[in-house]
Structures are given as structure tokens and as C-alpha cells.
Amino acid sequence: MLANYLPILLFLIVALAFGGVLVLAGGIIGPNRPSAEKLAPYECGFEAFEDARMKFDVRYYLVAILFIIFDLEIAFLFPWAVVLDRIGLFGLISMTLFLLILVIGFVYEWKKGALDWE
């Protein structure tokens, strides 16, 4: 029974070793030129050490939410593509409708200016 999991264990060991070697090689070979700007904390499009009650632009979060929504579209497309031959015409029509609704939403967001980063 445990012999069935041996390829997965070997894959994990090779992947971790390969990743570790690449991280170590990057630390040894890569350039290291720190500056004040590079070492400064930065998050969400504005300085980290300003007034906590200041107003800030929510476009950063809007773009992040839009990315998640359209990224989930791809998550639904992969399983659909795998079983398309079994679900037939009904599956094709339902996925076409799903993509059409997403395209309408994308065009709406585009027209409203949610994707403009000025």
C-alpha cells in the first residue's frame, strides 16, 4: 500500500531539493545592492508610516478583486475542458453562457473605468 506513495514522495524530495538549490544559488550568485528605498517597508500603494486615519485610494483593492474574479474563470475552464467530450453540447452551451456573463462584466468594469490606474 505504501509503495503506491513512493513516486509522490520522490517527487516532493526532488522538488524541495531543486528549490533549495535554486534559492541558495540565487543568494550566492545574485547581486546584493541594498539601498534605503529597497529596504523601506511598502504595502498597498502608499507609504507605511503615515497617519493611520488617512483616506486612501481603493483602486488597488478593486484591481485585486477583479484579478481574483477573472482568475477563478480559468479555474473553471480547466475541469470543463477535461470533461467536454463527456458532457457534450449542453456543457458547451453552459460554458459559453458562463463566459458571456464574465465578458459582459469585464466590459462593464472597463467602461466604468475600474481598470484605469491614473
PDB file of N, CA and C in Angstrom:
ATOM      1  N   MET A   1       0.817  -1.196   0.000  1.00  0.00           N
ATOM      2  CA  MET A   1       0.000   0.000   0.000  1.00  0.00           C
ATOM      3  C   MET A   1       0.861   1.261   0.000  1.00  0.00           C
ATOM      4  N   LEU A   2       1.882   1.270   0.854  1.00  0.00           N
ATOM      5  CA  LEU A   2       2.742   2.456   0.915  1.00  0.00           C
ATOM      6  C   LEU A   2       3.615   2.594  -0.322  1.00  0.00           C
ATOM      7  N   ALA A   3       3.813   1.519  -1.048  1.00  0.00           N
ATOM      8  CA  ALA A   3       4.627   1.585  -2.266  1.00  0.00           C
ATOM      9  C   ALA A   3       3.955   2.460  -3.328  1.00  0.00           C
ATOM     10  N   ASN A   4       2.638   2.622  -3.260  1.00  0.00           N
ATOM     11  CA  ASN A   4       1.944   3.482  -4.209  1.00  0.00           C
ATOM     12  C   ASN A   4       2.295   4.958  -4.010  1.00  0.00           C
ATOM     13  N   TYR A   5       2.701   5.312  -2.798  1.00  0.00           N
ATOM     14  CA  TYR A   5       3.024   6.698  -2.491  1.00  0.00           C
ATOM     15  C   TYR A   5       4.502   7.029  -2.704  1.00  0.00           C
ATOM     16  N   LEU A   6       5.314   6.056  -3.050  1.00  0.00           N
ATOM     17  CA  LEU A   6       6.743   6.284  -3.259  1.00  0.00           C
ATOM     18  C   LEU A   6       7.031   7.288  -4.371  1.00  0.00           C
ATOM     19  N   PRO A   7       6.372   7.251  -5.522  1.00  0.00           N
ATOM     20  CA  PRO A   7       6.639   8.266  -6.545  1.00  0.00           C
ATOM     21  C   PRO A   7       6.302   9.683  -6.069  1.00  0.00           C
ATOM     22  N   ILE A   8       5.252   9.822  -5.283  1.00  0.00           N
ATOM     23  CA  ILE A   8       4.897  11.149  -4.769  1.00  0.00           C
ATOM     24  C   ILE A   8       5.962  11.632  -3.798  1.00  0.00           C
ATOM     25  N   LEU A   9       6.435  10.755  -2.943  1.00  0.00           N
ATOM     26  CA  LEU A   9       7.489  11.115  -2.001  1.00  0.00           C
ATOM     27  C   LEU A   9       8.768  11.502  -2.736  1.00  0.00           C
ATOM     28  N   LEU A  10       9.134  10.742  -3.741  1.00  0.00           N
ATOM     29  CA  LEU A  10      10.325  11.076  -4.525  1.00  0.00           C
ATOM     30  C   LEU A  10      10.162  12.415  -5.243  1.00  0.00           C
ATOM     31  N   PHE A  11       8.986  12.663  -5.781  1.00  0.00           N
ATOM     32  CA  PHE A  11       8.719  13.937  -6.449  1.00  0.00           C
ATOM     33  C   PHE A  11       8.870  15.100  -5.466  1.00  0.00           C
ATOM     34  N   LEU A  12       8.318  14.961  -4.262  1.00  0.00           N
ATOM     35  CA  LEU A  12       8.429  16.019  -3.266  1.00  0.00           C
ATOM     36  C   LEU A  12       9.881  16.259  -2.852  1.00  0.00           C
ATOM     37  N   ILE A  13      10.639  15.186  -2.678  1.00  0.00           N
ATOM     38  CA  ILE A  13      12.048  15.330  -2.289  1.00  0.00           C
ATOM     39  C   ILE A  13      12.837  16.031  -3.381  1.00  0.00           C
ATOM     40  N   VAL A  14      12.640  15.626  -4.625  1.00  0.00           N
ATOM     41  CA  VAL A  14      13.349  16.259  -5.746  1.00  0.00           C
ATOM     42  C   VAL A  14      12.934  17.722  -5.886  1.00  0.00           C
ATOM     43  N   ALA A  15      11.642  18.017  -5.737  1.00  0.00           N
ATOM     44  CA  ALA A  15      11.166  19.392  -5.863  1.00  0.00           C
ATOM     45  C   ALA A  15      11.748  20.275  -4.761  1.00  0.00           C
ATOM     46  N   LEU A  16      11.750  19.798  -3.526  1.00  0.00           N
ATOM     47  CA  LEU A  16      12.314  20.584  -2.423  1.00  0.00           C
ATOM     48  C   LEU A  16      13.815  20.775  -2.583  1.00  0.00           C
ATOM     49  N   ALA A  17      14.507  19.741  -3.010  1.00  0.00           N
ATOM     50  CA  ALA A  17      15.950  19.861  -3.223  1.00  0.00           C
ATOM     51  C   ALA A  17      16.255  20.848  -4.354  1.00  0.00           C
ATOM     52  N   PHE A  18      15.515  20.750  -5.446  1.00  0.00           N
ATOM     53  CA  PHE A  18      15.724  21.655  -6.577  1.00  0.00           C
ATOM     54  C   PHE A  18      15.430  23.101  -6.172  1.00  0.00           C
ATOM     55  N   GLY A  19      14.338  23.312  -5.447  1.00  0.00           N
ATOM     56  CA  GLY A  19      14.016  24.652  -4.974  1.00  0.00           C
ATOM     57  C   GLY A  19      15.062  25.191  -4.028  1.00  0.00           C
ATOM     58  N   GLY A  20      15.537  24.357  -3.124  1.00  0.00           N
ATOM     59  CA  GLY A  20      16.579  24.790  -2.194  1.00  0.00           C
ATOM     60  C   GLY A  20      17.875  25.155  -2.898  1.00  0.00           C
ATOM     61  N   VAL A  21      18.258  24.357  -3.887  1.00  0.00           N
ATOM     62  CA  VAL A  21      19.471  24.656  -4.662  1.00  0.00           C
ATOM     63  C   VAL A  21      19.328  25.980  -5.400  1.00  0.00           C
ATOM     64  N   LEU A  22      18.158  26.237  -5.985  1.00  0.00           N
ATOM     65  CA  LEU A  22      17.952  27.492  -6.703  1.00  0.00           C
ATOM     66  C   LEU A  22      17.975  28.693  -5.764  1.00  0.00           C
ATOM     67  N   VAL A  23      17.398  28.570  -4.576  1.00  0.00           N
ATOM     68  CA  VAL A  23      17.425  29.669  -3.614  1.00  0.00           C
ATOM     69  C   VAL A  23      18.850  29.938  -3.154  1.00  0.00           C
ATOM     70  N   LEU A  24      19.603  28.893  -2.857  1.00  0.00           N
ATOM     71  CA  LEU A  24      20.988  29.074  -2.439  1.00  0.00           C
ATOM     72  C   LEU A  24      21.839  29.662  -3.561  1.00  0.00           C
ATOM     73  N   ALA A  25      21.650  29.188  -4.774  1.00  0.00           N
ATOM     74  CA  ALA A  25      22.407  29.723  -5.905  1.00  0.00           C
ATOM     75  C   ALA A  25      22.075  31.193  -6.134  1.00  0.00           C
ATOM     76  N   GLY A  26      20.820  31.566  -5.977  1.00  0.00           N
ATOM     77  CA  GLY A  26      20.433  32.962  -6.132  1.00  0.00           C
ATOM     78  C   GLY A  26      21.053  33.843  -5.068  1.00  0.00           C
ATOM     79  N   GLY A  27      21.153  33.337  -3.856  1.00  0.00           N
ATOM     80  CA  GLY A  27      21.776  34.104  -2.778  1.00  0.00           C
ATOM     81  C   GLY A  27      23.272  34.261  -2.955  1.00  0.00           C
ATOM     82  N   ILE A  28      23.915  33.268  -3.556  1.00  0.00           N
ATOM     83  CA  ILE A  28      25.366  33.320  -3.743  1.00  0.00           C
ATOM     84  C   ILE A  28      25.723  34.092  -5.006  1.00  0.00           C
ATOM     85  N   ILE A  29      25.066  33.803  -6.109  1.00  0.00           N
ATOM     86  CA  ILE A  29      25.413  34.380  -7.400  1.00  0.00           C
ATOM     87  C   ILE A  29      24.770  35.746  -7.621  1.00  0.00           C
ATOM     88  N   GLY A  30      23.556  35.940  -7.137  1.00  0.00           N
ATOM     89  CA  GLY A  30      22.791  37.152  -7.425  1.00  0.00           C
ATOM     90  C   GLY A  30      23.409  38.407  -6.825  1.00  0.00           C
ATOM     91  N   PRO A  31      23.128  39.561  -7.439  1.00  0.00           N
ATOM     92  CA  PRO A  31      23.657  40.821  -6.901  1.00  0.00           C
ATOM     93  C   PRO A  31      22.954  41.200  -5.600  1.00  0.00           C
ATOM     94  N   ASN A  32      23.684  41.859  -4.734  1.00  0.00           N
ATOM     95  CA  ASN A  32      23.145  42.299  -3.457  1.00  0.00           C
ATOM     96  C   ASN A  32      23.537  43.759  -3.265  1.00  0.00           C
ATOM     97  N   ARG A  33      22.664  44.667  -3.682  1.00  0.00           N
ATOM     98  CA  ARG A  33      22.917  46.100  -3.555  1.00  0.00           C
ATOM     99  C   ARG A  33      21.762  46.761  -2.809  1.00  0.00           C
ATOM    100  N   PRO A  34      21.712  46.639  -1.495  1.00  0.00           N
ATOM    101  CA  PRO A  34      20.604  47.242  -0.759  1.00  0.00           C
ATOM    102  C   PRO A  34      20.714  48.771  -0.739  1.00  0.00           C
ATOM    103  N   SER A  35      19.568  49.430  -0.757  1.00  0.00           N
ATOM    104  CA  SER A  35      19.512  50.881  -0.627  1.00  0.00           C
ATOM    105  C   SER A  35      18.358  51.219   0.314  1.00  0.00           C
ATOM    106  N   ALA A  36      18.233  52.485   0.656  1.00  0.00           N
ATOM    107  CA  ALA A  36      17.171  52.887   1.577  1.00  0.00           C
ATOM    108  C   ALA A  36      15.795  52.622   0.983  1.00  0.00           C
ATOM    109  N   GLU A  37      15.633  52.848  -0.320  1.00  0.00           N
ATOM    110  CA  GLU A  37      14.342  52.610  -0.958  1.00  0.00           C
ATOM    111  C   GLU A  37      13.997  51.123  -1.001  1.00  0.00           C
ATOM    112  N   LYS A  38      15.002  50.297  -1.257  1.00  0.00           N
ATOM    113  CA  LYS A  38      14.737  48.861  -1.338  1.00  0.00           C
ATOM    114  C   LYS A  38      14.416  48.257   0.026  1.00  0.00           C
ATOM    115  N   LEU A  39      14.979  48.800   1.078  1.00  0.00           N
ATOM    116  CA  LEU A  39      14.769  48.255   2.413  1.00  0.00           C
ATOM    117  C   LEU A  39      13.567  48.860   3.126  1.00  0.00           C
ATOM    118  N   ALA A  40      12.956  49.881   2.546  1.00  0.00           N
ATOM    119  CA  ALA A  40      11.804  50.535   3.173  1.00  0.00           C
ATOM    120  C   ALA A  40      10.566  49.642   3.069  1.00  0.00           C
ATOM    121  N   PRO A  41       9.748  49.609   4.110  1.00  0.00           N
ATOM    122  CA  PRO A  41       8.511  48.831   4.025  1.00  0.00           C
ATOM    123  C   PRO A  41       7.537  49.492   3.056  1.00  0.00           C
ATOM    124  N   TYR A  42       6.866  48.687   2.269  1.00  0.00           N
ATOM    125  CA  TYR A  42       5.941  49.198   1.253  1.00  0.00           C
ATOM    126  C   TYR A  42       4.791  48.230   1.130  1.00  0.00           C
ATOM    127  N   GLU A  43       3.587  48.776   1.151  1.00  0.00           N
ATOM    128  CA  GLU A  43       2.433  47.903   1.033  1.00  0.00           C
ATOM    129  C   GLU A  43       1.239  48.699   0.526  1.00  0.00           C
ATOM    130  N   CYS A  44       0.482  48.103  -0.345  1.00  0.00           N
ATOM    131  CA  CYS A  44      -0.812  48.613  -0.792  1.00  0.00           C
ATOM    132  C   CYS A  44      -0.749  49.943  -1.525  1.00  0.00           C
ATOM    133  N   GLY A  45       0.352  50.327  -2.093  1.00  0.00           N
ATOM    134  CA  GLY A  45       0.387  51.514  -2.926  1.00  0.00           C
ATOM    135  C   GLY A  45       0.591  52.822  -2.187  1.00  0.00           C
ATOM    136  N   PHE A  46       0.814  52.812  -0.882  1.00  0.00           N
ATOM    137  CA  PHE A  46       1.073  54.055  -0.163  1.00  0.00           C
ATOM    138  C   PHE A  46       2.102  53.804   0.926  1.00  0.00           C
ATOM    139  N   GLU A  47       2.672  54.885   1.437  1.00  0.00           N
ATOM    140  CA  GLU A  47       3.720  54.773   2.449  1.00  0.00           C
ATOM    141  C   GLU A  47       3.185  54.112   3.717  1.00  0.00           C
ATOM    142  N   ALA A  48       4.024  53.341   4.372  1.00  0.00           N
ATOM    143  CA  ALA A  48       3.590  52.590   5.542  1.00  0.00           C
ATOM    144  C   ALA A  48       3.549  53.440   6.813  1.00  0.00           C
ATOM    145  N   PHE A  49       4.308  54.528   6.867  1.00  0.00           N
ATOM    146  CA  PHE A  49       4.416  55.290   8.107  1.00  0.00           C
ATOM    147  C   PHE A  49       3.751  56.652   8.004  1.00  0.00           C
ATOM    148  N   GLU A  50       2.514  56.669   7.591  1.00  0.00           N
ATOM    149  CA  GLU A  50       1.737  57.891   7.585  1.00  0.00           C
ATOM    150  C   GLU A  50       0.608  57.749   8.593  1.00  0.00           C
ATOM    151  N   ASP A  51      -0.252  58.740   8.644  1.00  0.00           N
ATOM    152  CA  ASP A  51      -1.356  58.723   9.581  1.00  0.00           C
ATOM    153  C   ASP A  51      -2.264  57.522   9.305  1.00  0.00           C
ATOM    154  N   ALA A  52      -2.628  56.790  10.333  1.00  0.00           N
ATOM    155  CA  ALA A  52      -3.455  55.599  10.170  1.00  0.00           C
ATOM    156  C   ALA A  52      -4.886  55.939   9.771  1.00  0.00           C
ATOM    157  N   ARG A  53      -5.294  57.197   9.985  1.00  0.00           N
ATOM    158  CA  ARG A  53      -6.664  57.591   9.665  1.00  0.00           C
ATOM    159  C   ARG A  53      -6.782  58.304   8.328  1.00  0.00           C
ATOM    160  N   MET A  54      -5.732  58.279   7.534  1.00  0.00           N
ATOM    161  CA  MET A  54      -5.780  58.970   6.250  1.00  0.00           C
ATOM    162  C   MET A  54      -6.663  58.221   5.260  1.00  0.00           C
ATOM    163  N   LYS A  55      -7.216  58.958   4.312  1.00  0.00           N
ATOM    164  CA  LYS A  55      -8.001  58.335   3.260  1.00  0.00           C
ATOM    165  C   LYS A  55      -7.049  57.803   2.203  1.00  0.00           C
ATOM    166  N   PHE A  56      -7.363  56.654   1.671  1.00  0.00           N
ATOM    167  CA  PHE A  56      -6.517  56.081   0.631  1.00  0.00           C
ATOM    168  C   PHE A  56      -7.384  55.569  -0.503  1.00  0.00           C
ATOM    169  N   ASP A  57      -6.770  55.422  -1.631  1.00  0.00           N
ATOM    170  CA  ASP A  57      -7.466  55.016  -2.841  1.00  0.00           C
ATOM    171  C   ASP A  57      -7.737  53.514  -2.803  1.00  0.00           C
ATOM    172  N   VAL A  58      -8.953  53.127  -3.118  1.00  0.00           N
ATOM    173  CA  VAL A  58      -9.325  51.721  -3.064  1.00  0.00           C
ATOM    174  C   VAL A  58      -9.124  51.027  -4.405  1.00  0.00           C
ATOM    175  N   ARG A  59      -8.552  51.713  -5.388  1.00  0.00           N
ATOM    176  CA  ARG A  59      -8.366  51.084  -6.699  1.00  0.00           C
ATOM    177  C   ARG A  59      -7.442  49.878  -6.624  1.00  0.00           C
ATOM    178  N   TYR A  60      -6.486  49.912  -5.714  1.00  0.00           N
ATOM    179  CA  TYR A  60      -5.598  48.762  -5.541  1.00  0.00           C
ATOM    180  C   TYR A  60      -6.417  47.513  -5.207  1.00  0.00           C
ATOM    181  N   TYR A  61      -7.336  47.652  -4.265  1.00  0.00           N
ATOM    182  CA  TYR A  61      -8.157  46.524  -3.849  1.00  0.00           C
ATOM    183  C   TYR A  61      -9.141  46.129  -4.946  1.00  0.00           C
ATOM    184  N   LEU A  62      -9.633  47.092  -5.691  1.00  0.00           N
ATOM    185  CA  LEU A  62     -10.552  46.806  -6.784  1.00  0.00           C
ATOM    186  C   LEU A  62      -9.869  45.970  -7.862  1.00  0.00           C
ATOM    187  N   VAL A  63      -8.640  46.340  -8.201  1.00  0.00           N
ATOM    188  CA  VAL A  63      -7.900  45.569  -9.195  1.00  0.00           C
ATOM    189  C   VAL A  63      -7.607  44.158  -8.666  1.00  0.00           C
ATOM    190  N   ALA A  64      -7.297  44.051  -7.385  1.00  0.00           N
ATOM    191  CA  ALA A  64      -7.036  42.731  -6.799  1.00  0.00           C
ATOM    192  C   ALA A  64      -8.286  41.849  -6.842  1.00  0.00           C
ATOM    193  N   ILE A  65      -9.436  42.419  -6.533  1.00  0.00           N
ATOM    194  CA  ILE A  65     -10.682  41.647  -6.569  1.00  0.00           C
ATOM    195  C   ILE A  65     -11.015  41.242  -8.001  1.00  0.00           C
ATOM    196  N   LEU A  66     -10.819  42.159  -8.949  1.00  0.00           N
ATOM    197  CA  LEU A  66     -11.071  41.824 -10.347  1.00  0.00           C
ATOM    198  C   LEU A  66     -10.146  40.707 -10.813  1.00  0.00           C
ATOM    199  N   PHE A  67      -8.897  40.743 -10.366  1.00  0.00           N
ATOM    200  CA  PHE A  67      -7.967  39.675 -10.726  1.00  0.00           C
ATOM    201  C   PHE A  67      -8.453  38.332 -10.184  1.00  0.00           C
ATOM    202  N   ILE A  68      -8.911  38.317  -8.954  1.00  0.00           N
ATOM    203  CA  ILE A  68      -9.392  37.065  -8.365  1.00  0.00           C
ATOM    204  C   ILE A  68     -10.599  36.544  -9.125  1.00  0.00           C
ATOM    205  N   ILE A  69     -11.511  37.443  -9.492  1.00  0.00           N
ATOM    206  CA  ILE A  69     -12.712  37.013 -10.214  1.00  0.00           C
ATOM    207  C   ILE A  69     -12.334  36.382 -11.548  1.00  0.00           C
ATOM    208  N   PHE A  70     -11.468  37.048 -12.307  1.00  0.00           N
ATOM    209  CA  PHE A  70     -11.133  36.520 -13.628  1.00  0.00           C
ATOM    210  C   PHE A  70     -10.131  35.376 -13.546  1.00  0.00           C
ATOM    211  N   ASP A  71      -9.440  35.252 -12.432  1.00  0.00           N
ATOM    212  CA  ASP A  71      -8.583  34.102 -12.232  1.00  0.00           C
ATOM    213  C   ASP A  71      -9.431  32.862 -11.944  1.00  0.00           C
ATOM    214  N   LEU A  72     -10.530  33.039 -11.246  1.00  0.00           N
ATOM    215  CA  LEU A  72     -11.436  31.916 -10.996  1.00  0.00           C
ATOM    216  C   LEU A  72     -12.063  31.411 -12.280  1.00  0.00           C
ATOM    217  N   GLU A  73     -12.200  32.286 -13.257  1.00  0.00           N
ATOM    218  CA  GLU A  73     -12.707  31.846 -14.558  1.00  0.00           C
ATOM    219  C   GLU A  73     -11.816  30.749 -15.130  1.00  0.00           C
ATOM    220  N   ILE A  74     -10.529  30.933 -15.042  1.00  0.00           N
ATOM    221  CA  ILE A  74      -9.585  29.932 -15.539  1.00  0.00           C
ATOM    222  C   ILE A  74      -9.694  28.649 -14.721  1.00  0.00           C
ATOM    223  N   ALA A  75      -9.940  28.777 -13.421  1.00  0.00           N
ATOM    224  CA  ALA A  75     -10.087  27.587 -12.580  1.00  0.00           C
ATOM    225  C   ALA A  75     -11.294  26.763 -12.996  1.00  0.00           C
ATOM    226  N   PHE A  76     -12.331  27.404 -13.527  1.00  0.00           N
ATOM    227  CA  PHE A  76     -13.494  26.664 -14.007  1.00  0.00           C
ATOM    228  C   PHE A  76     -13.282  26.120 -15.417  1.00  0.00           C
ATOM    229  N   LEU A  77     -12.407  26.723 -16.184  1.00  0.00           N
ATOM    230  CA  LEU A  77     -12.210  26.275 -17.565  1.00  0.00           C
ATOM    231  C   LEU A  77     -11.436  24.963 -17.653  1.00  0.00           C
ATOM    232  N   PHE A  78     -10.491  24.720 -16.770  1.00  0.00           N
ATOM    233  CA  PHE A  78      -9.684  23.506 -16.855  1.00  0.00           C
ATOM    234  C   PHE A  78     -10.509  22.232 -16.653  1.00  0.00           C
ATOM    235  N   PRO A  79     -11.305  22.120 -15.591  1.00  0.00           N
ATOM    236  CA  PRO A  79     -12.104  20.889 -15.453  1.00  0.00           C
ATOM    237  C   PRO A  79     -13.123  20.732 -16.579  1.00  0.00           C
ATOM    238  N   TRP A  80     -13.674  21.844 -17.035  1.00  0.00           N
ATOM    239  CA  TRP A  80     -14.632  21.793 -18.140  1.00  0.00           C
ATOM    240  C   TRP A  80     -13.977  21.249 -19.400  1.00  0.00           C
ATOM    241  N   ALA A  81     -12.755  21.696 -19.668  1.00  0.00           N
ATOM    242  CA  ALA A  81     -12.058  21.237 -20.871  1.00  0.00           C
ATOM    243  C   ALA A  81     -11.734  19.743 -20.792  1.00  0.00           C
ATOM    244  N   VAL A  82     -11.495  19.232 -19.604  1.00  0.00           N
ATOM    245  CA  VAL A  82     -11.159  17.823 -19.452  1.00  0.00           C
ATOM    246  C   VAL A  82     -12.365  16.932 -19.742  1.00  0.00           C
ATOM    247  N   VAL A  83     -13.553  17.346 -19.336  1.00  0.00           N
ATOM    248  CA  VAL A  83     -14.739  16.502 -19.494  1.00  0.00           C
ATOM    249  C   VAL A  83     -15.646  16.944 -20.634  1.00  0.00           C
ATOM    250  N   LEU A  84     -15.174  17.805 -21.512  1.00  0.00           N
ATOM    251  CA  LEU A  84     -16.009  18.335 -22.584  1.00  0.00           C
ATOM    252  C   LEU A  84     -16.544  17.233 -23.488  1.00  0.00           C
ATOM    253  N   ASP A  85     -15.750  16.213 -23.764  1.00  0.00           N
ATOM    254  CA  ASP A  85     -16.227  15.141 -24.643  1.00  0.00           C
ATOM    255  C   ASP A  85     -17.353  14.325 -23.997  1.00  0.00           C
ATOM    256  N   ARG A  86     -17.425  14.298 -22.670  1.00  0.00           N
ATOM    257  CA  ARG A  86     -18.480  13.547 -21.983  1.00  0.00           C
ATOM    258  C   ARG A  86     -19.758  14.357 -21.764  1.00  0.00           C
ATOM    259  N   ILE A  87     -19.634  15.689 -21.621  1.00  0.00           N
ATOM    260  CA  ILE A  87     -20.830  16.482 -21.333  1.00  0.00           C
ATOM    261  C   ILE A  87     -21.492  17.012 -22.593  1.00  0.00           C
ATOM    262  N   GLY A  88     -20.786  17.000 -23.700  1.00  0.00           N
ATOM    263  CA  GLY A  88     -21.382  17.286 -24.995  1.00  0.00           C
ATOM    264  C   GLY A  88     -21.848  18.711 -25.207  1.00  0.00           C
ATOM    265  N   LEU A  89     -22.914  18.842 -25.957  1.00  0.00           N
ATOM    266  CA  LEU A  89     -23.429  20.144 -26.373  1.00  0.00           C
ATOM    267  C   LEU A  89     -23.946  20.954 -25.192  1.00  0.00           C
ATOM    268  N   PHE A  90     -24.572  20.298 -24.227  1.00  0.00           N
ATOM    269  CA  PHE A  90     -25.068  21.005 -23.042  1.00  0.00           C
ATOM    270  C   PHE A  90     -23.921  21.693 -22.305  1.00  0.00           C
ATOM    271  N   GLY A  91     -22.790  21.009 -22.141  1.00  0.00           N
ATOM    272  CA  GLY A  91     -21.628  21.592 -21.481  1.00  0.00           C
ATOM    273  C   GLY A  91     -21.051  22.752 -22.269  1.00  0.00           C
ATOM    274  N   LEU A  92     -21.033  22.620 -23.585  1.00  0.00           N
ATOM    275  CA  LEU A  92     -20.512  23.702 -24.427  1.00  0.00           C
ATOM    276  C   LEU A  92     -21.388  24.944 -24.319  1.00  0.00           C
ATOM    277  N   ILE A  93     -22.698  24.750 -24.346  1.00  0.00           N
ATOM    278  CA  ILE A  93     -23.607  25.897 -24.252  1.00  0.00           C
ATOM    279  C   ILE A  93     -23.541  26.537 -22.866  1.00  0.00           C
ATOM    280  N   SER A  94     -23.469  25.735 -21.824  1.00  0.00           N
ATOM    281  CA  SER A  94     -23.418  26.296 -20.472  1.00  0.00           C
ATOM    282  C   SER A  94     -22.111  27.062 -20.243  1.00  0.00           C
ATOM    283  N   MET A  95     -20.992  26.565 -20.751  1.00  0.00           N
ATOM    284  CA  MET A  95     -19.733  27.279 -20.577  1.00  0.00           C
ATOM    285  C   MET A  95     -19.712  28.538 -21.434  1.00  0.00           C
ATOM    286  N   THR A  96     -20.313  28.496 -22.614  1.00  0.00           N
ATOM    287  CA  THR A  96     -20.410  29.688 -23.444  1.00  0.00           C
ATOM    288  C   THR A  96     -21.219  30.764 -22.727  1.00  0.00           C
ATOM    289  N   LEU A  97     -22.307  30.376 -22.077  1.00  0.00           N
ATOM    290  CA  LEU A  97     -23.118  31.319 -21.314  1.00  0.00           C
ATOM    291  C   LEU A  97     -22.327  31.886 -20.136  1.00  0.00           C
ATOM    292  N   PHE A  98     -21.593  31.034 -19.441  1.00  0.00           N
ATOM    293  CA  PHE A  98     -20.760  31.469 -18.317  1.00  0.00           C
ATOM    294  C   PHE A  98     -19.719  32.483 -18.781  1.00  0.00           C
ATOM    295  N   LEU A  99     -19.033  32.188 -19.877  1.00  0.00           N
ATOM    296  CA  LEU A  99     -18.019  33.109 -20.389  1.00  0.00           C
ATOM    297  C   LEU A  99     -18.644  34.401 -20.897  1.00  0.00           C
ATOM    298  N   LEU A 100     -19.819  34.318 -21.478  1.00  0.00           N
ATOM    299  CA  LEU A 100     -20.507  35.520 -21.947  1.00  0.00           C
ATOM    300  C   LEU A 100     -20.856  36.439 -20.781  1.00  0.00           C
ATOM    301  N   ILE A 101     -21.325  35.880 -19.687  1.00  0.00           N
ATOM    302  CA  ILE A 101     -21.624  36.688 -18.499  1.00  0.00           C
ATOM    303  C   ILE A 101     -20.354  37.332 -17.964  1.00  0.00           C
ATOM    304  N   LEU A 102     -19.251  36.610 -17.936  1.00  0.00           N
ATOM    305  CA  LEU A 102     -17.991  37.188 -17.477  1.00  0.00           C
ATOM    306  C   LEU A 102     -17.490  38.280 -18.411  1.00  0.00           C
ATOM    307  N   VAL A 103     -17.653  38.102 -19.709  1.00  0.00           N
ATOM    308  CA  VAL A 103     -17.229  39.128 -20.662  1.00  0.00           C
ATOM    309  C   VAL A 103     -18.082  40.382 -20.498  1.00  0.00           C
ATOM    310  N   ILE A 104     -19.376  40.214 -20.274  1.00  0.00           N
ATOM    311  CA  ILE A 104     -20.243  41.369 -20.038  1.00  0.00           C
ATOM    312  C   ILE A 104     -19.791  42.118 -18.777  1.00  0.00           C
ATOM    313  N   GLY A 105     -19.461  41.386 -17.728  1.00  0.00           N
ATOM    314  CA  GLY A 105     -18.949  42.013 -16.506  1.00  0.00           C
ATOM    315  C   GLY A 105     -17.630  42.722 -16.738  1.00  0.00           C
ATOM    316  N   PHE A 106     -16.761  42.112 -17.523  1.00  0.00           N
ATOM    317  CA  PHE A 106     -15.465  42.726 -17.831  1.00  0.00           C
ATOM    318  C   PHE A 106     -15.647  44.015 -18.625  1.00  0.00           C
ATOM    319  N   VAL A 107     -16.524  44.000 -19.618  1.00  0.00           N
ATOM    320  CA  VAL A 107     -16.786  45.201 -20.409  1.00  0.00           C
ATOM    321  C   VAL A 107     -17.400  46.292 -19.533  1.00  0.00           C
ATOM    322  N   TYR A 108     -18.297  45.913 -18.633  1.00  0.00           N
ATOM    323  CA  TYR A 108     -18.900  46.880 -17.710  1.00  0.00           C
ATOM    324  C   TYR A 108     -17.832  47.541 -16.845  1.00  0.00           C
ATOM    325  N   GLU A 109     -16.938  46.734 -16.262  1.00  0.00           N
ATOM    326  CA  GLU A 109     -15.864  47.289 -15.434  1.00  0.00           C
ATOM    327  C   GLU A 109     -14.943  48.179 -16.261  1.00  0.00           C
ATOM    328  N   TRP A 110     -14.672  47.794 -17.475  1.00  0.00           N
ATOM    329  CA  TRP A 110     -13.812  48.573 -18.364  1.00  0.00           C
ATOM    330  C   TRP A 110     -14.451  49.927 -18.663  1.00  0.00           C
ATOM    331  N   LYS A 111     -15.748  49.925 -18.994  1.00  0.00           N
ATOM    332  CA  LYS A 111     -16.454  51.163 -19.321  1.00  0.00           C
ATOM    333  C   LYS A 111     -16.584  52.078 -18.107  1.00  0.00           C
ATOM    334  N   LYS A 112     -16.711  51.510 -16.917  1.00  0.00           N
ATOM    335  CA  LYS A 112     -16.808  52.309 -15.702  1.00  0.00           C
ATOM    336  C   LYS A 112     -15.460  52.893 -15.283  1.00  0.00           C
ATOM    337  N   GLY A 113     -14.368  52.436 -15.896  1.00  0.00           N
ATOM    338  CA  GLY A 113     -13.041  52.955 -15.594  1.00  0.00           C
ATOM    339  C   GLY A 113     -12.365  52.272 -14.433  1.00  0.00           C
ATOM    340  N   ALA A 114     -12.839  51.086 -14.042  1.00  0.00           N
ATOM    341  CA  ALA A 114     -12.240  50.385 -12.909  1.00  0.00           C
ATOM    342  C   ALA A 114     -10.843  49.881 -13.225  1.00  0.00           C
ATOM    343  N   LEU A 115     -10.510  49.740 -14.492  1.00  0.00           N
ATOM    344  CA  LEU A 115      -9.199  49.229 -14.873  1.00  0.00           C
ATOM    345  C   LEU A 115      -8.195  50.340 -15.182  1.00  0.00           C
ATOM    346  N   ASP A 116      -8.623  51.588 -15.126  1.00  0.00           N
ATOM    347  CA  ASP A 116      -7.710  52.716 -15.357  1.00  0.00           C
ATOM    348  C   ASP A 116      -6.967  53.023 -14.062  1.00  0.00           C
ATOM    349  N   TRP A 117      -5.671  53.132 -14.149  1.00  0.00           N
ATOM    350  CA  TRP A 117      -4.854  53.293 -12.942  1.00  0.00           C
ATOM    351  C   TRP A 117      -4.313  54.713 -12.806  1.00  0.00           C
ATOM    352  N   GLU A 118      -4.614  55.682 -13.415  1.00  0.00           N
ATOM    353  CA  GLU A 118      -4.170  57.075 -13.391  1.00  0.00           C
ATOM    354  C   GLU A 118      -3.228  57.394 -12.273  1.00  0.00           C
TER     355      GLU A 118
END
